[in-house]
Amino acid sequence: MTSKICREPRGDRLIGLATLALALLLQVVAARAGTLDTIRQTQIIRFAYRGDAPPFSVKGRGAEPTGYIVELCRAVAASLTTQLNLSRLNIVYVPVTAANRFDAIQQGNADLLCEATSETLDRRKVVDFSIPTFVDGASLLIQSGGPTNIAGLAGLKVGVLGGTTTKQALRNTLKAGSIDATVVLANTHEGGLEMLEAGAVSAYFADRAILQYLQLASKAPEKLSLADNYLTVELYALALPHGDEDFRLAVDTALSQIYRSGDIVRIFHTTFGSAVEPSTMVKTLYLISGLQP
């Protein structure tokens, strides 16, 4: 019995190898293409946002989210439209959670993270950050007569949002003060407010601006109060792809223009109301972060 070996013609084999090499080359080129190149070609920028981080990012009543950082990102998109000489720039909103928000940037599913994101050294190992966008600090929201400081939490339950730097800050603060309190994790800030209102926790720990928003949104704002002091300081910034210097410079240029022009004040009042003024810390941030060209 004889067997036949089918041999591919040499020319066809070379063409196949050339096609494979071209495909691999195109993949490399696409991988090396910067965010600005992709935005320029597609005229699309993708904003990742959390719908549960009011007043910085929250799911709006319509198709688009809203909030201070979301509005700031829209202003950045307007600046990028000019910087890239585009006739228009469409925004695609990518919903994320506190747990997967950085994955969206790392995996290329979004270009900017537009929510209350604290910049840390550990996070800078996986994503890059813009110049600062806000400064805040953690505090306690309590029922009337509740604990007004961390020491008062001894033997009590305190709520905090899981998957955030605030959660770790709370644990570190309790440990440093040798305070035996039970930490209860909330899935959303609204869930944390519900726990506080129901008496399931004695206090809720979060950034002060978020707590102010929750208090106003509560069923009985007059029954809740804020602790007087800041327990941490949180510096917010926009997270973006690691190592993309051109894109980061374009975003920083946009933010600097927004700060120097005073447009940031309009964005602030759009979110927090015309009667609310930025804190001294926030005003200082706007002043020193408006970099010159």
C-alpha atoms as a PDB file:
ATOM      1  CA  MET A   1       0.000   0.000   0.000  1.00  0.00           C
ATOM      2  CA  THR A   2       1.464   3.309  -1.003  1.00  0.00           C
ATOM      3  CA  SER A   3       0.810   6.661   0.634  1.00  0.00           C
ATOM      4  CA  LYS A   4       0.840  10.042  -0.995  1.00  0.00           C
ATOM      5  CA  ILE A   5       2.180  13.123   0.656  1.00  0.00           C
ATOM      6  CA  CYS A   6       0.451  16.291  -0.538  1.00  0.00           C
ATOM      7  CA  ARG A   7       2.973  19.081  -0.718  1.00  0.00           C
ATOM      8  CA  GLU A   8       1.904  22.707  -0.789  1.00  0.00           C
ATOM      9  CA  PRO A   9       3.445  24.527  -3.733  1.00  0.00           C
ATOM     10  CA  ARG A  10       6.425  26.631  -2.647  1.00  0.00           C
ATOM     11  CA  GLY A  11       4.885  29.841  -3.970  1.00  0.00           C
ATOM     12  CA  ASP A  12       1.640  29.316  -2.038  1.00  0.00           C
ATOM     13  CA  ARG A  13       3.595  28.605   1.121  1.00  0.00           C
ATOM     14  CA  LEU A  14       5.544  31.853   0.762  1.00  0.00           C
ATOM     15  CA  ILE A  15       2.339  33.806   0.162  1.00  0.00           C
ATOM     16  CA  GLY A  16       0.827  32.266   3.289  1.00  0.00           C
ATOM     17  CA  LEU A  17       3.857  33.220   5.363  1.00  0.00           C
ATOM     18  CA  ALA A  18       3.816  36.746   3.957  1.00  0.00           C
ATOM     19  CA  THR A  19       0.117  37.104   4.774  1.00  0.00           C
ATOM     20  CA  LEU A  20       0.728  35.913   8.331  1.00  0.00           C
ATOM     21  CA  ALA A  21       3.640  38.309   8.742  1.00  0.00           C
ATOM     22  CA  LEU A  22       1.526  41.210   7.471  1.00  0.00           C
ATOM     23  CA  ALA A  23      -1.268  40.350   9.904  1.00  0.00           C
ATOM     24  CA  LEU A  24       1.184  40.255  12.806  1.00  0.00           C
ATOM     25  CA  LEU A  25       2.673  43.572  11.694  1.00  0.00           C
ATOM     26  CA  LEU A  26      -0.747  45.194  11.589  1.00  0.00           C
ATOM     27  CA  GLN A  27      -1.430  43.925  15.105  1.00  0.00           C
ATOM     28  CA  VAL A  28       1.814  45.458  16.329  1.00  0.00           C
ATOM     29  CA  VAL A  29       1.026  48.775  14.637  1.00  0.00           C
ATOM     30  CA  ALA A  30      -2.466  48.800  16.146  1.00  0.00           C
ATOM     31  CA  ALA A  31      -1.059  48.004  19.578  1.00  0.00           C
ATOM     32  CA  ARG A  32       1.428  50.845  19.275  1.00  0.00           C
ATOM     33  CA  ALA A  33      -1.117  53.336  18.002  1.00  0.00           C
ATOM     34  CA  GLY A  34      -1.635  55.958  20.657  1.00  0.00           C
ATOM     35  CA  THR A  35      -4.986  56.917  22.113  1.00  0.00           C
ATOM     36  CA  LEU A  36      -4.907  60.244  20.281  1.00  0.00           C
ATOM     37  CA  ASP A  37      -4.413  58.478  16.938  1.00  0.00           C
ATOM     38  CA  THR A  38      -7.400  56.240  17.615  1.00  0.00           C
ATOM     39  CA  ILE A  39      -9.534  59.192  18.705  1.00  0.00           C
ATOM     40  CA  ARG A  40      -8.515  61.135  15.608  1.00  0.00           C
ATOM     41  CA  GLN A  41      -9.359  58.236  13.285  1.00  0.00           C
ATOM     42  CA  THR A  42     -12.646  57.222  14.900  1.00  0.00           C
ATOM     43  CA  GLN A  43     -13.742  60.639  16.217  1.00  0.00           C
ATOM     44  CA  ILE A  44     -14.833  58.795  19.349  1.00  0.00           C
ATOM     45  CA  ILE A  45     -13.648  59.074  22.964  1.00  0.00           C
ATOM     46  CA  ARG A  46     -14.792  56.582  25.596  1.00  0.00           C
ATOM     47  CA  PHE A  47     -15.538  57.708  29.141  1.00  0.00           C
ATOM     48  CA  ALA A  48     -15.757  55.105  31.892  1.00  0.00           C
ATOM     49  CA  TYR A  49     -17.992  56.195  34.746  1.00  0.00           C
ATOM     50  CA  ARG A  50     -19.579  54.851  37.901  1.00  0.00           C
ATOM     51  CA  GLY A  51     -23.270  55.413  38.345  1.00  0.00           C
ATOM     52  CA  ASP A  52     -23.019  55.238  42.142  1.00  0.00           C
ATOM     53  CA  ALA A  53     -20.522  57.988  43.020  1.00  0.00           C
ATOM     54  CA  PRO A  54     -22.602  61.157  43.377  1.00  0.00           C
ATOM     55  CA  PRO A  55     -21.995  64.050  43.094  1.00  0.00           C
ATOM     56  CA  PHE A  56     -18.957  63.175  40.943  1.00  0.00           C
ATOM     57  CA  SER A  57     -20.460  60.581  38.626  1.00  0.00           C
ATOM     58  CA  VAL A  58     -23.977  59.267  38.652  1.00  0.00           C
ATOM     59  CA  LYS A  59     -26.384  57.692  36.221  1.00  0.00           C
ATOM     60  CA  GLY A  60     -28.539  60.493  34.838  1.00  0.00           C
ATOM     61  CA  ARG A  61     -32.231  60.450  34.119  1.00  0.00           C
ATOM     62  CA  GLY A  62     -31.537  60.242  30.395  1.00  0.00           C
ATOM     63  CA  ALA A  63     -29.032  58.208  28.411  1.00  0.00           C
ATOM     64  CA  GLU A  64     -26.005  60.156  29.666  1.00  0.00           C
ATOM     65  CA  PRO A  65     -24.434  60.184  33.137  1.00  0.00           C
ATOM     66  CA  THR A  66     -23.898  63.396  35.059  1.00  0.00           C
ATOM     67  CA  GLY A  67     -21.791  64.720  37.928  1.00  0.00           C
ATOM     68  CA  TYR A  68     -18.797  66.992  38.522  1.00  0.00           C
ATOM     69  CA  ILE A  69     -16.121  64.712  37.040  1.00  0.00           C
ATOM     70  CA  VAL A  70     -18.356  63.692  34.128  1.00  0.00           C
ATOM     71  CA  GLU A  71     -18.983  67.354  33.271  1.00  0.00           C
ATOM     72  CA  LEU A  72     -15.255  68.017  33.556  1.00  0.00           C
ATOM     73  CA  CYS A  73     -14.543  65.143  31.154  1.00  0.00           C
ATOM     74  CA  ARG A  74     -17.023  66.605  28.657  1.00  0.00           C
ATOM     75  CA  ALA A  75     -15.088  69.880  28.804  1.00  0.00           C
ATOM     76  CA  VAL A  76     -11.883  67.892  28.194  1.00  0.00           C
ATOM     77  CA  ALA A  77     -13.522  66.294  25.132  1.00  0.00           C
ATOM     78  CA  ALA A  78     -14.403  69.756  23.796  1.00  0.00           C
ATOM     79  CA  SER A  79     -10.769  70.819  24.162  1.00  0.00           C
ATOM     80  CA  LEU A  80      -9.499  67.648  22.472  1.00  0.00           C
ATOM     81  CA  THR A  81     -11.828  68.348  19.551  1.00  0.00           C
ATOM     82  CA  THR A  82      -9.975  71.636  19.032  1.00  0.00           C
ATOM     83  CA  GLN A  83      -6.519  70.229  19.751  1.00  0.00           C
ATOM     84  CA  LEU A  84      -6.982  67.474  17.137  1.00  0.00           C
ATOM     85  CA  ASN A  85      -8.666  69.766  14.579  1.00  0.00           C
ATOM     86  CA  LEU A  86     -11.758  67.558  14.484  1.00  0.00           C
ATOM     87  CA  SER A  87     -15.157  68.672  13.241  1.00  0.00           C
ATOM     88  CA  ARG A  88     -16.750  66.687  16.065  1.00  0.00           C
ATOM     89  CA  LEU A  89     -15.887  64.215  18.794  1.00  0.00           C
ATOM     90  CA  ASN A  90     -18.496  61.693  19.877  1.00  0.00           C
ATOM     91  CA  ILE A  91     -18.558  60.441  23.464  1.00  0.00           C
ATOM     92  CA  VAL A  92     -19.287  56.819  24.328  1.00  0.00           C
ATOM     93  CA  TYR A  93     -20.079  56.165  27.990  1.00  0.00           C
ATOM     94  CA  VAL A  94     -18.818  52.909  29.510  1.00  0.00           C
ATOM     95  CA  PRO A  95     -20.411  51.987  32.856  1.00  0.00           C
ATOM     96  CA  VAL A  96     -18.031  50.477  35.409  1.00  0.00           C
ATOM     97  CA  THR A  97     -18.013  49.589  39.084  1.00  0.00           C
ATOM     98  CA  ALA A  98     -15.620  50.375  41.923  1.00  0.00           C
ATOM     99  CA  ALA A  99     -14.189  46.865  41.470  1.00  0.00           C
ATOM    100  CA  ASN A 100     -13.537  46.869  37.686  1.00  0.00           C
ATOM    101  CA  ARG A 101     -13.029  50.567  36.864  1.00  0.00           C
ATOM    102  CA  PHE A 102      -9.245  50.295  36.403  1.00  0.00           C
ATOM    103  CA  ASP A 103      -9.634  47.121  34.335  1.00  0.00           C
ATOM    104  CA  ALA A 104     -11.611  49.158  31.800  1.00  0.00           C
ATOM    105  CA  ILE A 105      -8.582  51.407  31.274  1.00  0.00           C
ATOM    106  CA  GLN A 106      -5.979  48.628  31.405  1.00  0.00           C
ATOM    107  CA  GLN A 107      -7.863  46.427  28.938  1.00  0.00           C
ATOM    108  CA  GLY A 108      -8.479  49.254  26.485  1.00  0.00           C
ATOM    109  CA  ASN A 109     -12.247  49.382  26.935  1.00  0.00           C
ATOM    110  CA  ALA A 110     -12.218  53.072  27.880  1.00  0.00           C
ATOM    111  CA  ASP A 111      -9.899  56.051  27.403  1.00  0.00           C
ATOM    112  CA  LEU A 112     -10.618  58.098  30.540  1.00  0.00           C
ATOM    113  CA  LEU A 113     -11.977  57.178  33.955  1.00  0.00           C
ATOM    114  CA  CYS A 114     -14.451  59.936  34.792  1.00  0.00           C
ATOM    115  CA  GLU A 115     -15.424  59.473  38.432  1.00  0.00           C
ATOM    116  CA  ALA A 116     -14.179  60.086  41.971  1.00  0.00           C
ATOM    117  CA  THR A 117     -10.782  58.420  41.581  1.00  0.00           C
ATOM    118  CA  SER A 118      -8.071  58.981  44.188  1.00  0.00           C
ATOM    119  CA  GLU A 119      -4.532  58.921  42.825  1.00  0.00           C
ATOM    120  CA  THR A 120      -2.209  56.572  44.712  1.00  0.00           C
ATOM    121  CA  LEU A 121       1.261  55.163  44.123  1.00  0.00           C
ATOM    122  CA  ASP A 122      -0.087  51.612  43.863  1.00  0.00           C
ATOM    123  CA  ARG A 123      -2.625  52.655  41.247  1.00  0.00           C
ATOM    124  CA  ARG A 124       0.074  54.452  39.252  1.00  0.00           C
ATOM    125  CA  LYS A 125       1.674  51.064  38.693  1.00  0.00           C
ATOM    126  CA  VAL A 126      -1.206  50.056  36.406  1.00  0.00           C
ATOM    127  CA  VAL A 127      -2.664  53.339  35.076  1.00  0.00           C
ATOM    128  CA  ASP A 128      -1.499  56.907  34.617  1.00  0.00           C
ATOM    129  CA  PHE A 129      -3.196  59.995  36.016  1.00  0.00           C
ATOM    130  CA  SER A 130      -3.892  63.513  34.833  1.00  0.00           C
ATOM    131  CA  ILE A 131      -3.160  66.606  36.878  1.00  0.00           C
ATOM    132  CA  PRO A 132      -5.534  66.803  39.884  1.00  0.00           C
ATOM    133  CA  THR A 133      -9.246  67.413  39.354  1.00  0.00           C
ATOM    134  CA  PHE A 134     -10.480  67.753  42.944  1.00  0.00           C
ATOM    135  CA  VAL A 135      -9.305  67.464  46.527  1.00  0.00           C
ATOM    136  CA  ASP A 136     -11.468  66.121  49.307  1.00  0.00           C
ATOM    137  CA  GLY A 137     -11.188  64.248  52.570  1.00  0.00           C
ATOM    138  CA  ALA A 138     -13.004  61.452  54.318  1.00  0.00           C
ATOM    139  CA  SER A 139     -15.331  62.125  57.211  1.00  0.00           C
ATOM    140  CA  LEU A 140     -18.310  60.584  59.003  1.00  0.00           C
ATOM    141  CA  LEU A 141     -22.024  60.924  58.341  1.00  0.00           C
ATOM    142  CA  ILE A 142     -23.937  60.129  61.517  1.00  0.00           C
ATOM    143  CA  GLN A 143     -27.395  60.074  63.010  1.00  0.00           C
ATOM    144  CA  SER A 144     -28.109  62.886  65.482  1.00  0.00           C
ATOM    145  CA  GLY A 145     -26.289  62.058  68.696  1.00  0.00           C
ATOM    146  CA  GLY A 146     -23.962  59.602  66.975  1.00  0.00           C
ATOM    147  CA  PRO A 147     -20.146  59.438  67.226  1.00  0.00           C
ATOM    148  CA  THR A 148     -18.501  62.637  65.976  1.00  0.00           C
ATOM    149  CA  ASN A 149     -14.986  61.231  65.652  1.00  0.00           C
ATOM    150  CA  ILE A 150     -13.157  57.985  65.012  1.00  0.00           C
ATOM    151  CA  ALA A 151     -12.566  57.310  68.723  1.00  0.00           C
ATOM    152  CA  GLY A 152     -16.322  57.351  69.253  1.00  0.00           C
ATOM    153  CA  LEU A 153     -16.723  54.354  66.939  1.00  0.00           C
ATOM    154  CA  ALA A 154     -15.307  51.925  69.518  1.00  0.00           C
ATOM    155  CA  GLY A 155     -17.665  48.984  69.855  1.00  0.00           C
ATOM    156  CA  LEU A 156     -19.910  50.242  67.036  1.00  0.00           C
ATOM    157  CA  LYS A 157     -20.507  49.409  63.373  1.00  0.00           C
ATOM    158  CA  VAL A 158     -19.332  51.793  60.654  1.00  0.00           C
ATOM    159  CA  GLY A 159     -20.186  51.517  56.974  1.00  0.00           C
ATOM    160  CA  VAL A 160     -17.870  52.217  54.039  1.00  0.00           C
ATOM    161  CA  LEU A 161     -17.921  51.526  50.310  1.00  0.00           C
ATOM    162  CA  GLY A 162     -15.989  48.409  49.326  1.00  0.00           C
ATOM    163  CA  GLY A 163     -13.211  48.480  46.710  1.00  0.00           C
ATOM    164  CA  THR A 164     -12.064  52.033  47.493  1.00  0.00           C
ATOM    165  CA  THR A 165      -9.081  53.760  49.080  1.00  0.00           C
ATOM    166  CA  THR A 166     -11.534  55.080  51.675  1.00  0.00           C
ATOM    167  CA  LYS A 167     -12.159  51.537  52.921  1.00  0.00           C
ATOM    168  CA  GLN A 168      -8.457  50.961  53.481  1.00  0.00           C
ATOM    169  CA  ALA A 169      -8.072  54.400  55.050  1.00  0.00           C
ATOM    170  CA  LEU A 170     -10.810  53.540  57.543  1.00  0.00           C
ATOM    171  CA  ARG A 171      -9.194  50.228  58.462  1.00  0.00           C
ATOM    172  CA  ASN A 172      -5.780  51.900  58.833  1.00  0.00           C
ATOM    173  CA  THR A 173      -7.223  54.662  61.004  1.00  0.00           C
ATOM    174  CA  LEU A 174      -9.022  52.218  63.279  1.00  0.00           C
ATOM    175  CA  LYS A 175      -5.886  50.081  63.597  1.00  0.00           C
ATOM    176  CA  ALA A 176      -3.648  53.086  64.330  1.00  0.00           C
ATOM    177  CA  GLY A 177      -5.994  54.214  67.083  1.00  0.00           C
ATOM    178  CA  SER A 178      -6.498  50.685  68.475  1.00  0.00           C
ATOM    179  CA  ILE A 179     -10.232  51.200  67.993  1.00  0.00           C
ATOM    180  CA  ASP A 180     -12.323  48.038  67.988  1.00  0.00           C
ATOM    181  CA  ALA A 181     -15.107  48.843  65.532  1.00  0.00           C
ATOM    182  CA  THR A 182     -16.867  46.581  63.038  1.00  0.00           C
ATOM    183  CA  VAL A 183     -16.471  47.639  59.402  1.00  0.00           C
ATOM    184  CA  VAL A 184     -19.536  46.925  57.261  1.00  0.00           C
ATOM    185  CA  LEU A 185     -19.025  47.113  53.497  1.00  0.00           C
ATOM    186  CA  ALA A 186     -21.646  48.767  51.299  1.00  0.00           C
ATOM    187  CA  ASN A 187     -22.100  47.962  47.615  1.00  0.00           C
ATOM    188  CA  THR A 188     -23.068  51.558  46.794  1.00  0.00           C
ATOM    189  CA  HIS A 189     -23.076  54.886  48.619  1.00  0.00           C
ATOM    190  CA  GLU A 190     -26.857  54.856  48.463  1.00  0.00           C
ATOM    191  CA  GLY A 191     -26.767  51.451  50.145  1.00  0.00           C
ATOM    192  CA  GLY A 192     -24.530  52.884  52.853  1.00  0.00           C
ATOM    193  CA  LEU A 193     -27.022  55.696  53.439  1.00  0.00           C
ATOM    194  CA  GLU A 194     -29.829  53.155  53.763  1.00  0.00           C
ATOM    195  CA  MET A 195     -27.825  51.231  56.366  1.00  0.00           C
ATOM    196  CA  LEU A 196     -27.281  54.422  58.347  1.00  0.00           C
ATOM    197  CA  GLU A 197     -30.926  55.466  58.169  1.00  0.00           C
ATOM    198  CA  ALA A 198     -32.033  51.981  59.249  1.00  0.00           C
ATOM    199  CA  GLY A 199     -29.607  51.952  62.185  1.00  0.00           C
ATOM    200  CA  ALA A 200     -27.634  49.010  60.784  1.00  0.00           C
ATOM    201  CA  VAL A 201     -24.475  51.139  61.195  1.00  0.00           C
ATOM    202  CA  SER A 202     -23.764  54.018  63.561  1.00  0.00           C
ATOM    203  CA  ALA A 203     -21.822  56.047  60.994  1.00  0.00           C
ATOM    204  CA  TYR A 204     -20.959  56.025  57.310  1.00  0.00           C
ATOM    205  CA  PHE A 205     -17.386  56.812  56.214  1.00  0.00           C
ATOM    206  CA  ALA A 206     -16.752  58.461  52.816  1.00  0.00           C
ATOM    207  CA  ASP A 207     -15.347  61.579  51.187  1.00  0.00           C
ATOM    208  CA  ARG A 208     -16.982  64.673  52.617  1.00  0.00           C
ATOM    209  CA  ALA A 209     -18.475  65.944  49.330  1.00  0.00           C
ATOM    210  CA  ILE A 210     -20.152  62.574  48.825  1.00  0.00           C
ATOM    211  CA  LEU A 211     -21.486  62.624  52.381  1.00  0.00           C
ATOM    212  CA  GLN A 212     -22.927  66.110  51.873  1.00  0.00           C
ATOM    213  CA  TYR A 213     -24.737  64.871  48.783  1.00  0.00           C
ATOM    214  CA  LEU A 214     -26.053  61.800  50.625  1.00  0.00           C
ATOM    215  CA  GLN A 215     -27.299  63.928  53.493  1.00  0.00           C
ATOM    216  CA  LEU A 216     -29.271  66.176  51.133  1.00  0.00           C
ATOM    217  CA  ALA A 217     -30.648  63.102  49.338  1.00  0.00           C
ATOM    218  CA  SER A 218     -31.702  61.355  52.550  1.00  0.00           C
ATOM    219  CA  LYS A 219     -35.273  60.930  53.735  1.00  0.00           C
ATOM    220  CA  ALA A 220     -34.679  63.207  56.723  1.00  0.00           C
ATOM    221  CA  PRO A 221     -31.580  65.414  56.232  1.00  0.00           C
ATOM    222  CA  GLU A 222     -32.190  67.185  59.549  1.00  0.00           C
ATOM    223  CA  LYS A 223     -31.615  63.913  61.403  1.00  0.00           C
ATOM    224  CA  LEU A 224     -28.136  63.466  59.934  1.00  0.00           C
ATOM    225  CA  SER A 225     -24.972  65.457  60.478  1.00  0.00           C
ATOM    226  CA  LEU A 226     -21.342  65.516  59.410  1.00  0.00           C
ATOM    227  CA  ALA A 227     -18.354  65.184  61.684  1.00  0.00           C
ATOM    228  CA  ASP A 228     -16.437  68.444  61.877  1.00  0.00           C
ATOM    229  CA  ASN A 229     -12.997  67.228  60.874  1.00  0.00           C
ATOM    230  CA  TYR A 230     -11.387  65.635  57.797  1.00  0.00           C
ATOM    231  CA  LEU A 231      -9.970  62.223  58.641  1.00  0.00           C
ATOM    232  CA  THR A 232      -8.038  61.770  55.385  1.00  0.00           C
ATOM    233  CA  VAL A 233      -7.087  63.855  52.363  1.00  0.00           C
ATOM    234  CA  GLU A 234      -7.974  62.451  48.925  1.00  0.00           C
ATOM    235  CA  LEU A 235      -6.532  63.908  45.712  1.00  0.00           C
ATOM    236  CA  TYR A 236      -8.671  63.051  42.665  1.00  0.00           C
ATOM    237  CA  ALA A 237      -7.408  62.763  39.082  1.00  0.00           C
ATOM    238  CA  LEU A 238      -8.494  61.221  35.775  1.00  0.00           C
ATOM    239  CA  ALA A 239      -7.086  57.730  35.216  1.00  0.00           C
ATOM    240  CA  LEU A 240      -5.874  56.997  31.672  1.00  0.00           C
ATOM    241  CA  PRO A 241      -3.787  54.357  29.845  1.00  0.00           C
ATOM    242  CA  HIS A 242      -0.364  53.677  31.313  1.00  0.00           C
ATOM    243  CA  GLY A 243       2.575  54.994  29.299  1.00  0.00           C
ATOM    244  CA  ASP A 244       0.592  57.069  26.770  1.00  0.00           C
ATOM    245  CA  GLU A 245       2.437  60.353  27.291  1.00  0.00           C
ATOM    246  CA  ASP A 246       0.909  62.151  24.301  1.00  0.00           C
ATOM    247  CA  PHE A 247      -2.624  61.486  25.478  1.00  0.00           C
ATOM    248  CA  ARG A 248      -1.838  62.460  29.044  1.00  0.00           C
ATOM    249  CA  LEU A 249      -0.288  65.740  27.853  1.00  0.00           C
ATOM    250  CA  ALA A 250      -3.372  66.502  25.753  1.00  0.00           C
ATOM    251  CA  VAL A 251      -5.657  65.817  28.735  1.00  0.00           C
ATOM    252  CA  ASP A 252      -3.482  67.928  31.045  1.00  0.00           C
ATOM    253  CA  THR A 253      -3.492  70.728  28.462  1.00  0.00           C
ATOM    254  CA  ALA A 254      -7.287  70.608  28.377  1.00  0.00           C
ATOM    255  CA  LEU A 255      -7.596  70.646  32.171  1.00  0.00           C
ATOM    256  CA  SER A 256      -5.115  73.507  32.490  1.00  0.00           C
ATOM    257  CA  GLN A 257      -7.115  75.580  30.000  1.00  0.00           C
ATOM    258  CA  ILE A 258     -10.334  74.839  31.902  1.00  0.00           C
ATOM    259  CA  TYR A 259      -8.754  75.950  35.186  1.00  0.00           C
ATOM    260  CA  ARG A 260      -7.081  79.092  33.816  1.00  0.00           C
ATOM    261  CA  SER A 261     -10.178  80.230  31.921  1.00  0.00           C
ATOM    262  CA  GLY A 262     -12.394  79.946  34.990  1.00  0.00           C
ATOM    263  CA  ASP A 263     -14.701  77.497  33.224  1.00  0.00           C
ATOM    264  CA  ILE A 264     -14.090  75.137  36.133  1.00  0.00           C
ATOM    265  CA  VAL A 265     -16.212  77.436  38.339  1.00  0.00           C
ATOM    266  CA  ARG A 266     -19.208  76.964  36.020  1.00  0.00           C
ATOM    267  CA  ILE A 267     -18.690  73.181  36.122  1.00  0.00           C
ATOM    268  CA  PHE A 268     -18.462  73.270  39.919  1.00  0.00           C
ATOM    269  CA  HIS A 269     -21.671  75.276  40.301  1.00  0.00           C
ATOM    270  CA  THR A 270     -23.481  73.078  37.771  1.00  0.00           C
ATOM    271  CA  THR A 271     -22.976  70.155  40.134  1.00  0.00           C
ATOM    272  CA  PHE A 272     -22.946  71.651  43.619  1.00  0.00           C
ATOM    273  CA  GLY A 273     -25.304  74.592  43.082  1.00  0.00           C
ATOM    274  CA  SER A 274     -24.736  78.325  42.674  1.00  0.00           C
ATOM    275  CA  ALA A 275     -24.949  78.914  46.439  1.00  0.00           C
ATOM    276  CA  VAL A 276     -22.035  76.554  47.194  1.00  0.00           C
ATOM    277  CA  GLU A 277     -18.487  77.855  46.903  1.00  0.00           C
ATOM    278  CA  PRO A 278     -15.412  75.649  46.405  1.00  0.00           C
ATOM    279  CA  SER A 279     -13.446  75.065  49.594  1.00  0.00           C
ATOM    280  CA  THR A 280     -10.112  76.792  50.135  1.00  0.00           C
ATOM    281  CA  MET A 281      -8.341  73.526  49.298  1.00  0.00           C
ATOM    282  CA  VAL A 282     -10.246  73.193  46.008  1.00  0.00           C
ATOM    283  CA  LYS A 283      -9.623  76.843  45.051  1.00  0.00           C
ATOM    284  CA  THR A 284      -5.912  76.350  45.722  1.00  0.00           C
ATOM    285  CA  LEU A 285      -5.897  73.218  43.568  1.00  0.00           C
ATOM    286  CA  TYR A 286      -7.452  75.127  40.645  1.00  0.00           C
ATOM    287  CA  LEU A 287      -4.879  77.891  41.064  1.00  0.00           C
ATOM    288  CA  ILE A 288      -1.763  75.713  41.127  1.00  0.00           C
ATOM    289  CA  SER A 289      -2.963  73.108  38.589  1.00  0.00           C
ATOM    290  CA  GLY A 290      -3.632  75.544  35.747  1.00  0.00           C
ATOM    291  CA  LEU A 291      -0.291  74.929  34.040  1.00  0.00           C
ATOM    292  CA  GLN A 292       1.002  77.437  31.534  1.00  0.00           C
ATOM    293  CA  PRO A 293       1.481  76.386  27.868  1.00  0.00           C
END
